[in-house]
Amino acid sequence: MKKTLVIGASPNPLRYATKAVKRLRGYGIEVVAIGKRETTIEDVEVKTGTPPLEDIHTVTLYVGPDNQKPYIEYILSLKPERIIFNPGTYNRDLKKKAEKAGIDTIEDCTLVMLSMDEY
């Protein structure tokens, strides 16, 4: 399965990152989440910082380019197969670095991709 890291997770049910965590879990996808503070979203523990992770297939971003800076090298070190830039998260610098590292980048919406069976 496509183990997914959601960056920008929040316990706020109105946030798209929260909706993505719930929807991904609903599709049976293993989810790891990182946010500003430790919390949980249903059965997913939201971690802070840059915890050691393995076997990440997809990183889906819910933080803007300025807030991605502390995560760029971390994301690249995880060697995911792809990075999804959700609306408002596109970052040319990260895209270039990812593509140079052989990581696919997609500008799309995780929620839409799931609903259209394109995830």
PDB file of N, CA and C in Angstrom:
ATOM      1  N   MET A   1       0.853  -1.194   0.000  1.00  0.00           N
ATOM      2  CA  MET A   1       0.000   0.000   0.000  1.00  0.00           C
ATOM      3  C   MET A   1       0.882   1.234   0.000  1.00  0.00           C
ATOM      4  N   LYS A   2       0.324   2.351  -0.307  1.00  0.00           N
ATOM      5  CA  LYS A   2       1.060   3.604  -0.450  1.00  0.00           C
ATOM      6  C   LYS A   2       1.118   4.367   0.872  1.00  0.00           C
ATOM      7  N   LYS A   3       2.010   3.922   1.758  1.00  0.00           N
ATOM      8  CA  LYS A   3       2.164   4.586   3.054  1.00  0.00           C
ATOM      9  C   LYS A   3       2.420   6.071   2.805  1.00  0.00           C
ATOM     10  N   THR A   4       1.605   6.893   3.464  1.00  0.00           N
ATOM     11  CA  THR A   4       1.600   8.325   3.171  1.00  0.00           C
ATOM     12  C   THR A   4       1.928   9.154   4.399  1.00  0.00           C
ATOM     13  N   LEU A   5       2.796  10.142   4.186  1.00  0.00           N
ATOM     14  CA  LEU A   5       3.110  11.129   5.211  1.00  0.00           C
ATOM     15  C   LEU A   5       2.355  12.404   4.886  1.00  0.00           C
ATOM     16  N   VAL A   6       1.520  12.838   5.822  1.00  0.00           N
ATOM     17  CA  VAL A   6       0.786  14.098   5.694  1.00  0.00           C
ATOM     18  C   VAL A   6       1.532  15.140   6.520  1.00  0.00           C
ATOM     19  N   ILE A   7       2.026  16.185   5.860  1.00  0.00           N
ATOM     20  CA  ILE A   7       2.710  17.262   6.572  1.00  0.00           C
ATOM     21  C   ILE A   7       1.770  18.456   6.644  1.00  0.00           C
ATOM     22  N   GLY A   8       1.497  18.890   7.881  1.00  0.00           N
ATOM     23  CA  GLY A   8       0.573  19.993   8.116  1.00  0.00           C
ATOM     24  C   GLY A   8      -0.695  19.532   8.801  1.00  0.00           C
ATOM     25  N   ALA A   9      -0.631  18.345   9.409  1.00  0.00           N
ATOM     26  CA  ALA A   9      -1.810  17.778  10.074  1.00  0.00           C
ATOM     27  C   ALA A   9      -2.222  18.621  11.274  1.00  0.00           C
ATOM     28  N   SER A  10      -3.523  18.655  11.500  1.00  0.00           N
ATOM     29  CA  SER A  10      -4.104  19.445  12.578  1.00  0.00           C
ATOM     30  C   SER A  10      -5.318  18.703  13.118  1.00  0.00           C
ATOM     31  N   PRO A  11      -5.625  18.880  14.405  1.00  0.00           N
ATOM     32  CA  PRO A  11      -6.830  18.245  14.932  1.00  0.00           C
ATOM     33  C   PRO A  11      -8.117  18.960  14.511  1.00  0.00           C
ATOM     34  N   ASN A  12      -7.989  20.125  13.883  1.00  0.00           N
ATOM     35  CA  ASN A  12      -9.149  20.901  13.451  1.00  0.00           C
ATOM     36  C   ASN A  12      -9.867  20.151  12.318  1.00  0.00           C
ATOM     37  N   PRO A  13     -11.115  19.719  12.536  1.00  0.00           N
ATOM     38  CA  PRO A  13     -11.813  18.927  11.523  1.00  0.00           C
ATOM     39  C   PRO A  13     -12.135  19.693  10.241  1.00  0.00           C
ATOM     40  N   LEU A  14     -12.004  21.013  10.264  1.00  0.00           N
ATOM     41  CA  LEU A  14     -12.276  21.802   9.066  1.00  0.00           C
ATOM     42  C   LEU A  14     -11.064  21.916   8.138  1.00  0.00           C
ATOM     43  N   ARG A  15      -9.904  21.540   8.621  1.00  0.00           N
ATOM     44  CA  ARG A  15      -8.680  21.633   7.810  1.00  0.00           C
ATOM     45  C   ARG A  15      -8.624  20.496   6.788  1.00  0.00           C
ATOM     46  N   TYR A  16      -8.130  20.833   5.599  1.00  0.00           N
ATOM     47  CA  TYR A  16      -8.029  19.823   4.555  1.00  0.00           C
ATOM     48  C   TYR A  16      -7.053  18.715   4.915  1.00  0.00           C
ATOM     49  N   ALA A  17      -5.998  19.041   5.651  1.00  0.00           N
ATOM     50  CA  ALA A  17      -5.052  18.001   6.073  1.00  0.00           C
ATOM     51  C   ALA A  17      -5.744  16.971   6.951  1.00  0.00           C
ATOM     52  N   THR A  18      -6.626  17.426   7.828  1.00  0.00           N
ATOM     53  CA  THR A  18      -7.372  16.514   8.694  1.00  0.00           C
ATOM     54  C   THR A  18      -8.301  15.644   7.863  1.00  0.00           C
ATOM     55  N   LYS A  19      -8.976  16.264   6.913  1.00  0.00           N
ATOM     56  CA  LYS A  19      -9.857  15.503   6.019  1.00  0.00           C
ATOM     57  C   LYS A  19      -9.068  14.469   5.234  1.00  0.00           C
ATOM     58  N   ALA A  20      -7.846  14.847   4.806  1.00  0.00           N
ATOM     59  CA  ALA A  20      -7.017  13.919   4.045  1.00  0.00           C
ATOM     60  C   ALA A  20      -6.606  12.722   4.904  1.00  0.00           C
ATOM     61  N   VAL A  21      -6.201  12.975   6.138  1.00  0.00           N
ATOM     62  CA  VAL A  21      -5.828  11.875   7.030  1.00  0.00           C
ATOM     63  C   VAL A  21      -7.004  10.907   7.157  1.00  0.00           C
ATOM     64  N   LYS A  22      -8.175  11.430   7.421  1.00  0.00           N
ATOM     65  CA  LYS A  22      -9.358  10.580   7.603  1.00  0.00           C
ATOM     66  C   LYS A  22      -9.710   9.822   6.322  1.00  0.00           C
ATOM     67  N   ARG A  23      -9.664  10.511   5.192  1.00  0.00           N
ATOM     68  CA  ARG A  23     -10.023   9.873   3.920  1.00  0.00           C
ATOM     69  C   ARG A  23      -8.996   8.803   3.539  1.00  0.00           C
ATOM     70  N   LEU A  24      -7.716   9.101   3.709  1.00  0.00           N
ATOM     71  CA  LEU A  24      -6.682   8.109   3.421  1.00  0.00           C
ATOM     72  C   LEU A  24      -6.892   6.859   4.276  1.00  0.00           C
ATOM     73  N   ARG A  25      -7.154   7.056   5.565  1.00  0.00           N
ATOM     74  CA  ARG A  25      -7.406   5.917   6.456  1.00  0.00           C
ATOM     75  C   ARG A  25      -8.650   5.150   5.998  1.00  0.00           C
ATOM     76  N   GLY A  26      -9.658   5.881   5.539  1.00  0.00           N
ATOM     77  CA  GLY A  26     -10.870   5.247   5.045  1.00  0.00           C
ATOM     78  C   GLY A  26     -10.628   4.358   3.838  1.00  0.00           C
ATOM     79  N   TYR A  27      -9.583   4.670   3.085  1.00  0.00           N
ATOM     80  CA  TYR A  27      -9.203   3.864   1.927  1.00  0.00           C
ATOM     81  C   TYR A  27      -8.223   2.757   2.316  1.00  0.00           C
ATOM     82  N   GLY A  28      -7.948   2.641   3.612  1.00  0.00           N
ATOM     83  CA  GLY A  28      -7.059   1.590   4.085  1.00  0.00           C
ATOM     84  C   GLY A  28      -5.583   1.899   3.909  1.00  0.00           C
ATOM     85  N   ILE A  29      -5.254   3.152   3.682  1.00  0.00           N
ATOM     86  CA  ILE A  29      -3.866   3.551   3.478  1.00  0.00           C
ATOM     87  C   ILE A  29      -3.235   3.878   4.831  1.00  0.00           C
ATOM     88  N   GLU A  30      -2.044   3.351   5.065  1.00  0.00           N
ATOM     89  CA  GLU A  30      -1.313   3.664   6.290  1.00  0.00           C
ATOM     90  C   GLU A  30      -0.876   5.126   6.237  1.00  0.00           C
ATOM     91  N   VAL A  31      -1.134   5.850   7.320  1.00  0.00           N
ATOM     92  CA  VAL A  31      -0.852   7.283   7.356  1.00  0.00           C
ATOM     93  C   VAL A  31       0.052   7.604   8.541  1.00  0.00           C
ATOM     94  N   VAL A  32       1.028   8.446   8.270  1.00  0.00           N
ATOM     95  CA  VAL A  32       1.862   9.052   9.300  1.00  0.00           C
ATOM     96  C   VAL A  32       1.623  10.547   9.157  1.00  0.00           C
ATOM     97  N   ALA A  33       1.501  11.252  10.269  1.00  0.00           N
ATOM     98  CA  ALA A  33       1.171  12.674  10.194  1.00  0.00           C
ATOM     99  C   ALA A  33       2.127  13.506  11.027  1.00  0.00           C
ATOM    100  N   ILE A  34       2.466  14.679  10.492  1.00  0.00           N
ATOM    101  CA  ILE A  34       3.299  15.640  11.199  1.00  0.00           C
ATOM    102  C   ILE A  34       2.542  16.962  11.252  1.00  0.00           C
ATOM    103  N   GLY A  35       2.549  17.582  12.422  1.00  0.00           N
ATOM    104  CA  GLY A  35       1.878  18.866  12.595  1.00  0.00           C
ATOM    105  C   GLY A  35       2.653  19.749  13.562  1.00  0.00           C
ATOM    106  N   LYS A  36       2.043  20.870  13.921  1.00  0.00           N
ATOM    107  CA  LYS A  36       2.692  21.814  14.840  1.00  0.00           C
ATOM    108  C   LYS A  36       2.723  21.306  16.273  1.00  0.00           C
ATOM    109  N   ARG A  37       1.711  20.492  16.633  1.00  0.00           N
ATOM    110  CA  ARG A  37       1.686  19.956  17.994  1.00  0.00           C
ATOM    111  C   ARG A  37       1.216  18.510  17.980  1.00  0.00           C
ATOM    112  N   GLU A  38       1.657  17.787  18.987  1.00  0.00           N
ATOM    113  CA  GLU A  38       1.277  16.387  19.079  1.00  0.00           C
ATOM    114  C   GLU A  38      -0.197  16.278  19.423  1.00  0.00           C
ATOM    115  N   THR A  39      -0.870  15.402  18.712  1.00  0.00           N
ATOM    116  CA  THR A  39      -2.295  15.166  18.922  1.00  0.00           C
ATOM    117  C   THR A  39      -2.620  13.859  18.213  1.00  0.00           C
ATOM    118  N   THR A  40      -3.893  13.568  18.073  1.00  0.00           N
ATOM    119  CA  THR A  40      -4.312  12.429  17.263  1.00  0.00           C
ATOM    120  C   THR A  40      -5.468  12.841  16.374  1.00  0.00           C
ATOM    121  N   ILE A  41      -5.547  12.194  15.240  1.00  0.00           N
ATOM    122  CA  ILE A  41      -6.688  12.321  14.333  1.00  0.00           C
ATOM    123  C   ILE A  41      -7.200  10.903  14.152  1.00  0.00           C
ATOM    124  N   GLU A  42      -8.338  10.630  14.761  1.00  0.00           N
ATOM    125  CA  GLU A  42      -8.866   9.272  14.844  1.00  0.00           C
ATOM    126  C   GLU A  42      -7.783   8.366  15.404  1.00  0.00           C
ATOM    127  N   ASP A  43      -7.303   7.381  14.633  1.00  0.00           N
ATOM    128  CA  ASP A  43      -6.286   6.464  15.161  1.00  0.00           C
ATOM    129  C   ASP A  43      -4.870   6.840  14.739  1.00  0.00           C
ATOM    130  N   VAL A  44      -4.700   8.012  14.159  1.00  0.00           N
ATOM    131  CA  VAL A  44      -3.385   8.442  13.670  1.00  0.00           C
ATOM    132  C   VAL A  44      -2.758   9.422  14.662  1.00  0.00           C
ATOM    133  N   GLU A  45      -1.583   9.070  15.124  1.00  0.00           N
ATOM    134  CA  GLU A  45      -0.835   9.940  16.027  1.00  0.00           C
ATOM    135  C   GLU A  45      -0.137  11.024  15.197  1.00  0.00           C
ATOM    136  N   VAL A  46      -0.362  12.276  15.545  1.00  0.00           N
ATOM    137  CA  VAL A  46       0.300  13.378  14.857  1.00  0.00           C
ATOM    138  C   VAL A  46       1.574  13.698  15.632  1.00  0.00           C
ATOM    139  N   LYS A  47       2.704  13.594  14.926  1.00  0.00           N
ATOM    140  CA  LYS A  47       4.000  13.861  15.540  1.00  0.00           C
ATOM    141  C   LYS A  47       4.455  15.271  15.172  1.00  0.00           C
ATOM    142  N   THR A  48       5.472  15.747  15.856  1.00  0.00           N
ATOM    143  CA  THR A  48       6.056  17.046  15.541  1.00  0.00           C
ATOM    144  C   THR A  48       7.485  16.841  15.057  1.00  0.00           C
ATOM    145  N   GLY A  49       8.048  17.884  14.479  1.00  0.00           N
ATOM    146  CA  GLY A  49       9.445  17.825  14.055  1.00  0.00           C
ATOM    147  C   GLY A  49       9.659  16.941  12.851  1.00  0.00           C
ATOM    148  N   THR A  50      10.777  16.223  12.879  1.00  0.00           N
ATOM    149  CA  THR A  50      11.151  15.358  11.761  1.00  0.00           C
ATOM    150  C   THR A  50      11.485  13.961  12.289  1.00  0.00           C
ATOM    151  N   PRO A  51      10.467  13.218  12.677  1.00  0.00           N
ATOM    152  CA  PRO A  51      10.705  11.895  13.264  1.00  0.00           C
ATOM    153  C   PRO A  51      11.281  10.919  12.237  1.00  0.00           C
ATOM    154  N   PRO A  52      12.059   9.954  12.710  1.00  0.00           N
ATOM    155  CA  PRO A  52      12.576   8.944  11.781  1.00  0.00           C
ATOM    156  C   PRO A  52      11.427   8.094  11.241  1.00  0.00           C
ATOM    157  N   LEU A  53      11.374   7.972   9.934  1.00  0.00           N
ATOM    158  CA  LEU A  53      10.315   7.203   9.282  1.00  0.00           C
ATOM    159  C   LEU A  53      10.925   6.328   8.194  1.00  0.00           C
ATOM    160  N   GLU A  54      10.241   5.252   7.876  1.00  0.00           N
ATOM    161  CA  GLU A  54      10.696   4.346   6.820  1.00  0.00           C
ATOM    162  C   GLU A  54       9.542   4.007   5.899  1.00  0.00           C
ATOM    163  N   ASP A  55       9.890   3.624   4.695  1.00  0.00           N
ATOM    164  CA  ASP A  55       8.938   3.101   3.712  1.00  0.00           C
ATOM    165  C   ASP A  55       7.821   4.078   3.370  1.00  0.00           C
ATOM    166  N   ILE A  56       8.137   5.360   3.279  1.00  0.00           N
ATOM    167  CA  ILE A  56       7.140   6.348   2.878  1.00  0.00           C
ATOM    168  C   ILE A  56       7.038   6.343   1.358  1.00  0.00           C
ATOM    169  N   HIS A  57       5.866   6.066   0.852  1.00  0.00           N
ATOM    170  CA  HIS A  57       5.626   6.076  -0.590  1.00  0.00           C
ATOM    171  C   HIS A  57       5.305   7.486  -1.074  1.00  0.00           C
ATOM    172  N   THR A  58       4.423   8.176  -0.337  1.00  0.00           N
ATOM    173  CA  THR A  58       3.930   9.481  -0.759  1.00  0.00           C
ATOM    174  C   THR A  58       4.026  10.479   0.379  1.00  0.00           C
ATOM    175  N   VAL A  59       4.468  11.681   0.059  1.00  0.00           N
ATOM    176  CA  VAL A  59       4.400  12.809   0.988  1.00  0.00           C
ATOM    177  C   VAL A  59       3.369  13.759   0.405  1.00  0.00           C
ATOM    178  N   THR A  60       2.350  14.097   1.180  1.00  0.00           N
ATOM    179  CA  THR A  60       1.349  15.052   0.729  1.00  0.00           C
ATOM    180  C   THR A  60       1.432  16.283   1.621  1.00  0.00           C
ATOM    181  N   LEU A  61       1.575  17.439   0.986  1.00  0.00           N
ATOM    182  CA  LEU A  61       1.855  18.682   1.700  1.00  0.00           C
ATOM    183  C   LEU A  61       0.612  19.527   1.924  1.00  0.00           C
ATOM    184  N   TYR A  62       0.484  19.996   3.155  1.00  0.00           N
ATOM    185  CA  TYR A  62      -0.583  20.919   3.539  1.00  0.00           C
ATOM    186  C   TYR A  62      -0.008  22.122   4.268  1.00  0.00           C
ATOM    187  N   VAL A  63       1.231  22.468   3.958  1.00  0.00           N
ATOM    188  CA  VAL A  63       1.862  23.681   4.479  1.00  0.00           C
ATOM    189  C   VAL A  63       2.415  24.455   3.298  1.00  0.00           C
ATOM    190  N   GLY A  64       2.337  25.772   3.377  1.00  0.00           N
ATOM    191  CA  GLY A  64       2.812  26.625   2.301  1.00  0.00           C
ATOM    192  C   GLY A  64       4.321  26.572   2.155  1.00  0.00           C
ATOM    193  N   PRO A  65       4.831  27.118   1.049  1.00  0.00           N
ATOM    194  CA  PRO A  65       6.271  27.066   0.767  1.00  0.00           C
ATOM    195  C   PRO A  65       7.158  27.603   1.885  1.00  0.00           C
ATOM    196  N   ASP A  66       6.788  28.698   2.518  1.00  0.00           N
ATOM    197  CA  ASP A  66       7.625  29.241   3.596  1.00  0.00           C
ATOM    198  C   ASP A  66       7.717  28.282   4.775  1.00  0.00           C
ATOM    199  N   ASN A  67       6.640  27.592   5.061  1.00  0.00           N
ATOM    200  CA  ASN A  67       6.621  26.648   6.186  1.00  0.00           C
ATOM    201  C   ASN A  67       7.209  25.288   5.825  1.00  0.00           C
ATOM    202  N   GLN A  68       7.537  25.089   4.563  1.00  0.00           N
ATOM    203  CA  GLN A  68       8.156  23.831   4.132  1.00  0.00           C
ATOM    204  C   GLN A  68       9.663  23.818   4.353  1.00  0.00           C
ATOM    205  N   LYS A  69      10.252  24.994   4.498  1.00  0.00           N
ATOM    206  CA  LYS A  69      11.723  25.087   4.559  1.00  0.00           C
ATOM    207  C   LYS A  69      12.358  24.118   5.550  1.00  0.00           C
ATOM    208  N   PRO A  70      11.838  23.990   6.785  1.00  0.00           N
ATOM    209  CA  PRO A  70      12.487  23.055   7.707  1.00  0.00           C
ATOM    210  C   PRO A  70      12.310  21.581   7.326  1.00  0.00           C
ATOM    211  N   TYR A  71      11.436  21.311   6.361  1.00  0.00           N
ATOM    212  CA  TYR A  71      11.144  19.928   5.991  1.00  0.00           C
ATOM    213  C   TYR A  71      11.786  19.483   4.684  1.00  0.00           C
ATOM    214  N   ILE A  72      12.337  20.393   3.901  1.00  0.00           N
ATOM    215  CA  ILE A  72      12.802  20.035   2.555  1.00  0.00           C
ATOM    216  C   ILE A  72      13.832  18.903   2.589  1.00  0.00           C
ATOM    217  N   GLU A  73      14.906  19.067   3.322  1.00  0.00           N
ATOM    218  CA  GLU A  73      15.937  18.021   3.362  1.00  0.00           C
ATOM    219  C   GLU A  73      15.392  16.741   3.998  1.00  0.00           C
ATOM    220  N   TYR A  74      14.517  16.898   4.976  1.00  0.00           N
ATOM    221  CA  TYR A  74      13.883  15.746   5.620  1.00  0.00           C
ATOM    222  C   TYR A  74      13.064  14.949   4.606  1.00  0.00           C
ATOM    223  N   ILE A  75      12.233  15.636   3.850  1.00  0.00           N
ATOM    224  CA  ILE A  75      11.404  14.962   2.838  1.00  0.00           C
ATOM    225  C   ILE A  75      12.284  14.217   1.851  1.00  0.00           C
ATOM    226  N   LEU A  76      13.314  14.868   1.359  1.00  0.00           N
ATOM    227  CA  LEU A  76      14.212  14.239   0.394  1.00  0.00           C
ATOM    228  C   LEU A  76      14.908  13.024   1.001  1.00  0.00           C
ATOM    229  N   SER A  77      15.252  13.100   2.286  1.00  0.00           N
ATOM    230  CA  SER A  77      15.934  11.980   2.945  1.00  0.00           C
ATOM    231  C   SER A  77      15.034  10.755   3.097  1.00  0.00           C
ATOM    232  N   LEU A  78      13.725  10.963   3.081  1.00  0.00           N
ATOM    233  CA  LEU A  78      12.787   9.844   3.186  1.00  0.00           C
ATOM    234  C   LEU A  78      12.690   9.052   1.885  1.00  0.00           C
ATOM    235  N   LYS A  79      13.142   9.650   0.801  1.00  0.00           N
ATOM    236  CA  LYS A  79      13.129   9.027  -0.526  1.00  0.00           C
ATOM    237  C   LYS A  79      11.749   8.487  -0.905  1.00  0.00           C
ATOM    238  N   PRO A  80      10.732   9.331  -0.816  1.00  0.00           N
ATOM    239  CA  PRO A  80       9.410   8.855  -1.231  1.00  0.00           C
ATOM    240  C   PRO A  80       9.365   8.688  -2.748  1.00  0.00           C
ATOM    241  N   GLU A  81       8.387   7.960  -3.220  1.00  0.00           N
ATOM    242  CA  GLU A  81       8.221   7.833  -4.667  1.00  0.00           C
ATOM    243  C   GLU A  81       7.618   9.092  -5.265  1.00  0.00           C
ATOM    244  N   ARG A  82       6.805   9.803  -4.447  1.00  0.00           N
ATOM    245  CA  ARG A  82       6.193  11.017  -4.977  1.00  0.00           C
ATOM    246  C   ARG A  82       5.871  11.998  -3.863  1.00  0.00           C
ATOM    247  N   ILE A  83       5.750  13.257  -4.290  1.00  0.00           N
ATOM    248  CA  ILE A  83       5.324  14.343  -3.419  1.00  0.00           C
ATOM    249  C   ILE A  83       4.105  14.978  -4.068  1.00  0.00           C
ATOM    250  N   ILE A  84       3.042  15.155  -3.300  1.00  0.00           N
ATOM    251  CA  ILE A  84       1.842  15.822  -3.802  1.00  0.00           C
ATOM    252  C   ILE A  84       1.813  17.229  -3.236  1.00  0.00           C
ATOM    253  N   PHE A  85       1.810  18.207  -4.140  1.00  0.00           N
ATOM    254  CA  PHE A  85       1.644  19.606  -3.757  1.00  0.00           C
ATOM    255  C   PHE A  85       0.154  19.921  -3.837  1.00  0.00           C
ATOM    256  N   ASN A  86      -0.511  19.955  -2.705  1.00  0.00           N
ATOM    257  CA  ASN A  86      -1.923  20.320  -2.673  1.00  0.00           C
ATOM    258  C   ASN A  86      -2.053  21.813  -2.970  1.00  0.00           C
ATOM    259  N   PRO A  87      -3.249  22.297  -3.318  1.00  0.00           N
ATOM    260  CA  PRO A  87      -3.411  23.721  -3.638  1.00  0.00           C
ATOM    261  C   PRO A  87      -2.804  24.631  -2.566  1.00  0.00           C
ATOM    262  N   GLY A  88      -2.010  25.590  -3.014  1.00  0.00           N
ATOM    263  CA  GLY A  88      -1.376  26.546  -2.115  1.00  0.00           C
ATOM    264  C   GLY A  88      -0.043  26.100  -1.551  1.00  0.00           C
ATOM    265  N   THR A  89       0.430  24.906  -1.942  1.00  0.00           N
ATOM    266  CA  THR A  89       1.677  24.397  -1.370  1.00  0.00           C
ATOM    267  C   THR A  89       2.802  24.279  -2.389  1.00  0.00           C
ATOM    268  N   TYR A  90       2.560  24.641  -3.633  1.00  0.00           N
ATOM    269  CA  TYR A  90       3.586  24.483  -4.667  1.00  0.00           C
ATOM    270  C   TYR A  90       4.857  25.225  -4.280  1.00  0.00           C
ATOM    271  N   ASN A  91       5.991  24.544  -4.451  1.00  0.00           N
ATOM    272  CA  ASN A  91       7.290  25.092  -4.086  1.00  0.00           C
ATOM    273  C   ASN A  91       8.288  24.692  -5.173  1.00  0.00           C
ATOM    274  N   ARG A  92       8.681  25.659  -5.985  1.00  0.00           N
ATOM    275  CA  ARG A  92       9.576  25.378  -7.113  1.00  0.00           C
ATOM    276  C   ARG A  92      10.897  24.764  -6.645  1.00  0.00           C
ATOM    277  N   ASP A  93      11.455  25.275  -5.545  1.00  0.00           N
ATOM    278  CA  ASP A  93      12.720  24.769  -5.030  1.00  0.00           C
ATOM    279  C   ASP A  93      12.609  23.297  -4.648  1.00  0.00           C
ATOM    280  N   LEU A  94      11.574  22.946  -3.900  1.00  0.00           N
ATOM    281  CA  LEU A  94      11.385  21.548  -3.511  1.00  0.00           C
ATOM    282  C   LEU A  94      11.128  20.681  -4.736  1.00  0.00           C
ATOM    283  N   LYS A  95      10.348  21.169  -5.664  1.00  0.00           N
ATOM    284  CA  LYS A  95      10.053  20.403  -6.880  1.00  0.00           C
ATOM    285  C   LYS A  95      11.344  20.077  -7.631  1.00  0.00           C
ATOM    286  N   LYS A  96      12.207  21.066  -7.823  1.00  0.00           N
ATOM    287  CA  LYS A  96      13.468  20.850  -8.542  1.00  0.00           C
ATOM    288  C   LYS A  96      14.358  19.846  -7.811  1.00  0.00           C
ATOM    289  N   LYS A  97      14.483  20.017  -6.502  1.00  0.00           N
ATOM    290  CA  LYS A  97      15.320  19.107  -5.716  1.00  0.00           C
ATOM    291  C   LYS A  97      14.761  17.684  -5.747  1.00  0.00           C
ATOM    292  N   ALA A  98      13.454  17.571  -5.646  1.00  0.00           N
ATOM    293  CA  ALA A  98      12.821  16.246  -5.663  1.00  0.00           C
ATOM    294  C   ALA A  98      13.041  15.564  -7.009  1.00  0.00           C
ATOM    295  N   GLU A  99      12.806  16.290  -8.078  1.00  0.00           N
ATOM    296  CA  GLU A  99      12.967  15.691  -9.400  1.00  0.00           C
ATOM    297  C   GLU A  99      14.418  15.300  -9.650  1.00  0.00           C
ATOM    298  N   LYS A 100      15.355  16.108  -9.165  1.00  0.00           N
ATOM    299  CA  LYS A 100      16.780  15.773  -9.296  1.00  0.00           C
ATOM    300  C   LYS A 100      17.100  14.482  -8.543  1.00  0.00           C
ATOM    301  N   ALA A 101      16.377  14.248  -7.441  1.00  0.00           N
ATOM    302  CA  ALA A 101      16.566  13.035  -6.633  1.00  0.00           C
ATOM    303  C   ALA A 101      15.746  11.853  -7.151  1.00  0.00           C
ATOM    304  N   GLY A 102      15.039  12.036  -8.269  1.00  0.00           N
ATOM    305  CA  GLY A 102      14.251  10.946  -8.846  1.00  0.00           C
ATOM    306  C   GLY A 102      12.887  10.752  -8.209  1.00  0.00           C
ATOM    307  N   ILE A 103      12.392  11.787  -7.519  1.00  0.00           N
ATOM    308  CA  ILE A 103      11.089  11.716  -6.862  1.00  0.00           C
ATOM    309  C   ILE A 103      10.067  12.416  -7.752  1.00  0.00           C
ATOM    310  N   ASP A 104       8.971  11.732  -8.057  1.00  0.00           N
ATOM    311  CA  ASP A 104       7.900  12.342  -8.840  1.00  0.00           C
ATOM    312  C   ASP A 104       7.230  13.438  -8.031  1.00  0.00           C
ATOM    313  N   THR A 105       6.810  14.494  -8.715  1.00  0.00           N
ATOM    314  CA  THR A 105       6.047  15.552  -8.057  1.00  0.00           C
ATOM    315  C   THR A 105       4.739  15.745  -8.802  1.00  0.00           C
ATOM    316  N   ILE A 106       3.702  15.988  -8.031  1.00  0.00           N
ATOM    317  CA  ILE A 106       2.356  16.149  -8.588  1.00  0.00           C
ATOM    318  C   ILE A 106       1.734  17.385  -7.970  1.00  0.00           C
ATOM    319  N   GLU A 107       1.170  18.239  -8.806  1.00  0.00           N
ATOM    320  CA  GLU A 107       0.392  19.382  -8.313  1.00  0.00           C
ATOM    321  C   GLU A 107      -1.070  18.996  -8.452  1.00  0.00           C
ATOM    322  N   ASP A 108      -1.678  18.622  -7.348  1.00  0.00           N
ATOM    323  CA  ASP A 108      -3.050  18.139  -7.371  1.00  0.00           C
ATOM    324  C   ASP A 108      -3.612  18.217  -5.962  1.00  0.00           C
ATOM    325  N   CYS A 109      -4.791  17.704  -5.786  1.00  0.00           N
ATOM    326  CA  CYS A 109      -5.446  17.669  -4.488  1.00  0.00           C
ATOM    327  C   CYS A 109      -5.612  16.206  -4.080  1.00  0.00           C
ATOM    328  N   THR A 110      -5.043  15.848  -2.959  1.00  0.00           N
ATOM    329  CA  THR A 110      -5.122  14.473  -2.475  1.00  0.00           C
ATOM    330  C   THR A 110      -6.569  14.003  -2.370  1.00  0.00           C
ATOM    331  N   LEU A 111      -7.442  14.855  -1.870  1.00  0.00           N
ATOM    332  CA  LEU A 111      -8.849  14.476  -1.707  1.00  0.00           C
ATOM    333  C   LEU A 111      -9.512  14.189  -3.049  1.00  0.00           C
ATOM    334  N   VAL A 112      -9.214  14.994  -4.043  1.00  0.00           N
ATOM    335  CA  VAL A 112      -9.774  14.779  -5.378  1.00  0.00           C
ATOM    336  C   VAL A 112      -9.184  13.514  -5.986  1.00  0.00           C
ATOM    337  N   MET A 113      -7.882  13.338  -5.842  1.00  0.00           N
ATOM    338  CA  MET A 113      -7.246  12.139  -6.375  1.00  0.00           C
ATOM    339  C   MET A 113      -7.882  10.871  -5.797  1.00  0.00           C
ATOM    340  N   LEU A 114      -8.136  10.878  -4.496  1.00  0.00           N
ATOM    341  CA  LEU A 114      -8.773   9.722  -3.869  1.00  0.00           C
ATOM    342  C   LEU A 114     -10.180   9.500  -4.418  1.00  0.00           C
ATOM    343  N   SER A 115     -10.942  10.574  -4.540  1.00  0.00           N
ATOM    344  CA  SER A 115     -12.335  10.435  -4.992  1.00  0.00           C
ATOM    345  C   SER A 115     -12.430   9.979  -6.452  1.00  0.00           C
ATOM    346  N   MET A 116     -11.366  10.209  -7.216  1.00  0.00           N
ATOM    347  CA  MET A 116     -11.374   9.817  -8.630  1.00  0.00           C
ATOM    348  C   MET A 116     -10.572   8.556  -8.881  1.00  0.00           C
ATOM    349  N   ASP A 117     -10.198   7.851  -7.814  1.00  0.00           N
ATOM    350  CA  ASP A 117      -9.383   6.630  -7.919  1.00  0.00           C
ATOM    351  C   ASP A 117      -8.080   6.868  -8.661  1.00  0.00           C
ATOM    352  N   GLU A 118      -7.463   8.013  -8.440  1.00  0.00           N
ATOM    353  CA  GLU A 118      -6.194   8.344  -9.093  1.00  0.00           C
ATOM    354  C   GLU A 118      -5.054   8.432  -8.093  1.00  0.00           C
ATOM    355  N   TYR A 119      -5.292   7.970  -6.872  1.00  0.00           N
ATOM    356  CA  TYR A 119      -4.268   8.068  -5.848  1.00  0.00           C
ATOM    357  C   TYR A 119      -3.250   6.955  -6.055  1.00  0.00           C
TER     358      TYR A 119
END
